[in-house]
């Protein structure tokens, strides 16, 4: 069984890639800044943005299963070379 959400910390430690399996569409990808020491003001600003716009950042991508297969094939080729 595959987990619904996968978190991958970037090597720099400053951001995290969140991959979520969407049963009705395909796969969602989002990149979030990883900063556990955020100030209260910054946290409230992010909460307001989520309430107002629905997502904290604009770098979220949704890929259908055909694009996911294409991405997988490309990554497999990268690993072989």
N, C-alpha and C. Protein backbone atom coordinates (compact mmCIF):
# COMPACT_ATOMS: atom_id res chain seq x y z
N UNK A 1 0.85 -1.19 0.00
CA UNK A 1 0.00 0.00 0.00
C UNK A 1 0.89 1.24 0.00
N UNK A 2 0.56 2.19 -0.83
CA UNK A 2 1.33 3.43 -0.94
C UNK A 2 0.73 4.49 -0.02
N UNK A 3 1.61 5.24 0.65
CA UNK A 3 1.09 6.31 1.50
C UNK A 3 0.52 7.43 0.62
N UNK A 4 -0.49 8.12 1.10
CA UNK A 4 -1.15 9.16 0.32
C UNK A 4 -0.25 10.39 0.14
N UNK A 5 0.56 10.72 1.13
CA UNK A 5 1.44 11.89 1.07
C UNK A 5 2.87 11.49 1.40
N UNK A 6 3.80 12.00 0.59
CA UNK A 6 5.23 11.75 0.77
C UNK A 6 5.94 13.10 0.92
N UNK A 7 6.79 13.21 1.93
CA UNK A 7 7.55 14.43 2.17
C UNK A 7 9.02 14.14 1.87
N UNK A 8 9.62 14.98 1.02
CA UNK A 8 11.03 14.81 0.68
C UNK A 8 11.74 16.13 0.98
N UNK A 9 12.64 16.08 1.98
CA UNK A 9 13.41 17.26 2.37
C UNK A 9 14.50 17.49 1.33
N UNK A 10 14.62 18.74 0.85
CA UNK A 10 15.69 19.07 -0.09
C UNK A 10 17.03 18.96 0.61
N UNK A 11 18.07 18.69 -0.14
CA UNK A 11 19.41 18.54 0.43
C UNK A 11 19.89 19.80 1.14
N UNK A 12 19.42 20.97 0.70
CA UNK A 12 19.82 22.22 1.35
C UNK A 12 19.15 22.38 2.71
N UNK A 13 18.07 21.64 2.96
CA UNK A 13 17.38 21.69 4.24
C UNK A 13 16.43 22.87 4.39
N UNK A 14 16.30 23.69 3.34
CA UNK A 14 15.48 24.89 3.44
C UNK A 14 14.06 24.70 2.91
N UNK A 15 13.83 23.65 2.12
CA UNK A 15 12.51 23.44 1.53
C UNK A 15 12.17 21.95 1.56
N UNK A 16 10.90 21.67 1.39
CA UNK A 16 10.43 20.29 1.37
C UNK A 16 9.48 20.14 0.19
N UNK A 17 9.60 19.02 -0.51
CA UNK A 17 8.70 18.67 -1.60
C UNK A 17 7.61 17.77 -1.02
N UNK A 18 6.36 18.16 -1.22
CA UNK A 18 5.23 17.37 -0.74
C UNK A 18 4.53 16.78 -1.96
N UNK A 19 4.45 15.45 -2.00
CA UNK A 19 3.82 14.75 -3.11
C UNK A 19 2.57 14.07 -2.56
N UNK A 20 1.41 14.38 -3.13
CA UNK A 20 0.14 13.84 -2.65
C UNK A 20 -0.58 13.11 -3.77
N UNK A 21 -0.97 11.88 -3.53
CA UNK A 21 -1.73 11.10 -4.50
C UNK A 21 -3.18 11.54 -4.44
N UNK A 22 -3.69 12.00 -5.57
CA UNK A 22 -5.07 12.44 -5.70
C UNK A 22 -5.82 11.37 -6.48
N UNK A 23 -6.68 10.63 -5.81
CA UNK A 23 -7.36 9.49 -6.43
C UNK A 23 -8.18 9.87 -7.65
N UNK A 24 -8.72 11.09 -7.68
CA UNK A 24 -9.59 11.48 -8.79
C UNK A 24 -8.84 12.04 -9.98
N UNK A 25 -7.56 12.42 -9.80
CA UNK A 25 -6.87 13.09 -10.89
C UNK A 25 -5.51 12.48 -11.21
N UNK A 26 -4.63 12.44 -10.24
CA UNK A 26 -3.27 11.98 -10.47
C UNK A 26 -2.41 12.24 -9.25
N UNK A 27 -1.44 13.14 -9.39
CA UNK A 27 -0.52 13.44 -8.31
C UNK A 27 -0.32 14.95 -8.22
N UNK A 28 -0.33 15.47 -6.98
CA UNK A 28 -0.07 16.88 -6.73
C UNK A 28 1.34 17.03 -6.16
N UNK A 29 2.06 18.04 -6.62
CA UNK A 29 3.38 18.37 -6.12
C UNK A 29 3.35 19.78 -5.58
N UNK A 30 3.96 20.01 -4.43
CA UNK A 30 4.05 21.36 -3.87
C UNK A 30 5.40 21.49 -3.15
N UNK A 31 5.96 22.67 -3.22
CA UNK A 31 7.22 22.95 -2.53
C UNK A 31 6.93 23.97 -1.45
N UNK A 32 7.36 23.66 -0.23
CA UNK A 32 7.16 24.56 0.90
C UNK A 32 8.49 24.87 1.54
N UNK A 33 8.63 26.08 2.00
CA UNK A 33 9.82 26.45 2.76
C UNK A 33 9.74 25.76 4.12
N UNK A 34 10.85 25.19 4.54
CA UNK A 34 10.91 24.52 5.82
C UNK A 34 11.58 25.46 6.80
N UNK A 35 10.81 25.97 7.73
CA UNK A 35 11.34 26.92 8.70
C UNK A 35 10.56 26.76 10.00
N UNK A 36 10.97 25.82 10.85
CA UNK A 36 10.23 25.61 12.10
C UNK A 36 10.32 26.79 13.06
N UNK A 37 11.25 27.72 12.84
CA UNK A 37 11.40 28.87 13.73
C UNK A 37 10.71 30.12 13.24
N UNK A 38 9.62 29.99 12.48
CA UNK A 38 8.91 31.15 11.96
C UNK A 38 8.33 31.98 13.09
N UNK A 39 8.33 33.27 12.88
CA UNK A 39 7.74 34.16 13.89
C UNK A 39 6.22 34.04 13.86
N UNK A 40 5.58 34.48 14.92
CA UNK A 40 4.12 34.46 14.99
C UNK A 40 3.53 35.30 13.87
N UNK A 41 4.14 36.42 13.58
CA UNK A 41 3.64 37.30 12.51
C UNK A 41 3.67 36.58 11.15
N UNK A 42 4.77 35.89 10.86
CA UNK A 42 4.87 35.17 9.59
C UNK A 42 3.86 34.03 9.53
N UNK A 43 3.67 33.32 10.62
CA UNK A 43 2.67 32.24 10.65
C UNK A 43 1.27 32.77 10.40
N UNK A 44 0.93 33.90 11.02
CA UNK A 44 -0.40 34.50 10.82
C UNK A 44 -0.57 34.97 9.37
N UNK A 45 0.51 35.49 8.78
CA UNK A 45 0.45 35.93 7.38
C UNK A 45 0.17 34.73 6.47
N UNK A 46 0.83 33.60 6.73
CA UNK A 46 0.60 32.41 5.92
C UNK A 46 -0.82 31.86 6.13
N UNK A 47 -1.29 31.89 7.37
CA UNK A 47 -2.66 31.43 7.65
C UNK A 47 -3.66 32.29 6.90
N UNK A 48 -3.47 33.60 6.91
CA UNK A 48 -4.37 34.52 6.19
C UNK A 48 -4.35 34.22 4.69
N UNK A 49 -3.17 33.96 4.15
CA UNK A 49 -3.07 33.65 2.72
C UNK A 49 -3.82 32.36 2.39
N UNK A 50 -3.72 31.36 3.26
CA UNK A 50 -4.43 30.11 3.03
C UNK A 50 -5.94 30.34 3.09
N UNK A 51 -6.40 31.11 4.06
CA UNK A 51 -7.84 31.41 4.19
C UNK A 51 -8.34 32.17 2.96
N UNK A 52 -7.56 33.12 2.52
CA UNK A 52 -7.99 34.00 1.42
C UNK A 52 -7.87 33.33 0.05
N UNK A 53 -6.77 32.61 -0.19
CA UNK A 53 -6.50 32.06 -1.52
C UNK A 53 -6.58 30.54 -1.59
N UNK A 54 -6.60 29.86 -0.46
CA UNK A 54 -6.73 28.41 -0.45
C UNK A 54 -5.40 27.67 -0.41
N UNK A 55 -4.32 28.27 -0.85
CA UNK A 55 -3.01 27.64 -0.85
C UNK A 55 -1.98 28.68 -0.41
N UNK A 56 -0.97 28.26 0.33
CA UNK A 56 0.01 29.24 0.80
C UNK A 56 0.99 29.70 -0.26
N UNK A 57 1.18 28.93 -1.31
CA UNK A 57 2.15 29.27 -2.35
C UNK A 57 1.54 28.99 -3.72
N UNK A 58 2.16 29.54 -4.76
CA UNK A 58 1.65 29.34 -6.12
C UNK A 58 2.45 28.31 -6.89
N UNK A 59 3.33 27.58 -6.22
CA UNK A 59 4.17 26.63 -6.94
C UNK A 59 3.64 25.20 -6.85
N UNK A 60 2.35 25.05 -6.70
CA UNK A 60 1.76 23.72 -6.64
C UNK A 60 1.43 23.27 -8.05
N UNK A 61 1.72 21.99 -8.35
CA UNK A 61 1.46 21.43 -9.68
C UNK A 61 0.61 20.18 -9.54
N UNK A 62 -0.29 20.00 -10.47
CA UNK A 62 -1.11 18.79 -10.52
C UNK A 62 -0.81 18.09 -11.83
N UNK A 63 -0.44 16.82 -11.76
CA UNK A 63 -0.14 16.05 -12.95
C UNK A 63 -1.09 14.86 -13.06
N UNK A 64 -1.64 14.68 -14.25
CA UNK A 64 -2.44 13.49 -14.51
C UNK A 64 -1.53 12.28 -14.59
N UNK A 65 -2.12 11.11 -14.57
CA UNK A 65 -1.33 9.88 -14.50
C UNK A 65 -0.42 9.70 -15.72
N UNK A 66 -0.83 10.17 -16.90
CA UNK A 66 0.04 10.06 -18.08
C UNK A 66 1.30 10.89 -17.91
N UNK A 67 1.18 12.07 -17.32
CA UNK A 67 2.35 12.93 -17.07
C UNK A 67 3.21 12.34 -15.94
N UNK A 68 2.57 11.70 -14.97
CA UNK A 68 3.32 11.06 -13.88
C UNK A 68 4.18 9.93 -14.46
N UNK A 69 3.61 9.14 -15.38
CA UNK A 69 4.39 8.06 -16.01
C UNK A 69 5.57 8.63 -16.80
N UNK A 70 5.33 9.72 -17.51
CA UNK A 70 6.39 10.37 -18.27
C UNK A 70 7.50 10.86 -17.34
N UNK A 71 7.12 11.48 -16.23
CA UNK A 71 8.10 11.94 -15.25
C UNK A 71 8.87 10.76 -14.66
N UNK A 72 8.18 9.70 -14.35
CA UNK A 72 8.83 8.49 -13.80
C UNK A 72 9.85 7.95 -14.79
N UNK A 73 9.47 7.85 -16.06
CA UNK A 73 10.39 7.34 -17.07
C UNK A 73 11.63 8.22 -17.18
N UNK A 74 11.43 9.52 -17.14
CA UNK A 74 12.56 10.44 -17.20
C UNK A 74 13.49 10.27 -15.99
N UNK A 75 12.91 10.18 -14.80
CA UNK A 75 13.73 10.00 -13.58
C UNK A 75 14.45 8.65 -13.60
N UNK A 76 13.79 7.62 -14.11
CA UNK A 76 14.46 6.32 -14.24
C UNK A 76 15.67 6.42 -15.15
N UNK A 77 15.53 7.14 -16.28
CA UNK A 77 16.66 7.32 -17.18
C UNK A 77 17.77 8.12 -16.52
N UNK A 78 17.42 9.11 -15.72
CA UNK A 78 18.44 9.90 -15.00
C UNK A 78 19.23 9.01 -14.03
N UNK A 79 18.54 8.10 -13.36
CA UNK A 79 19.21 7.21 -12.41
C UNK A 79 20.15 6.23 -13.10
N UNK A 80 19.85 5.85 -14.33
CA UNK A 80 20.68 4.89 -15.06
C UNK A 80 21.95 5.52 -15.60
N UNK A 81 21.97 6.82 -15.81
CA UNK A 81 23.14 7.49 -16.41
C UNK A 81 23.89 8.28 -15.40
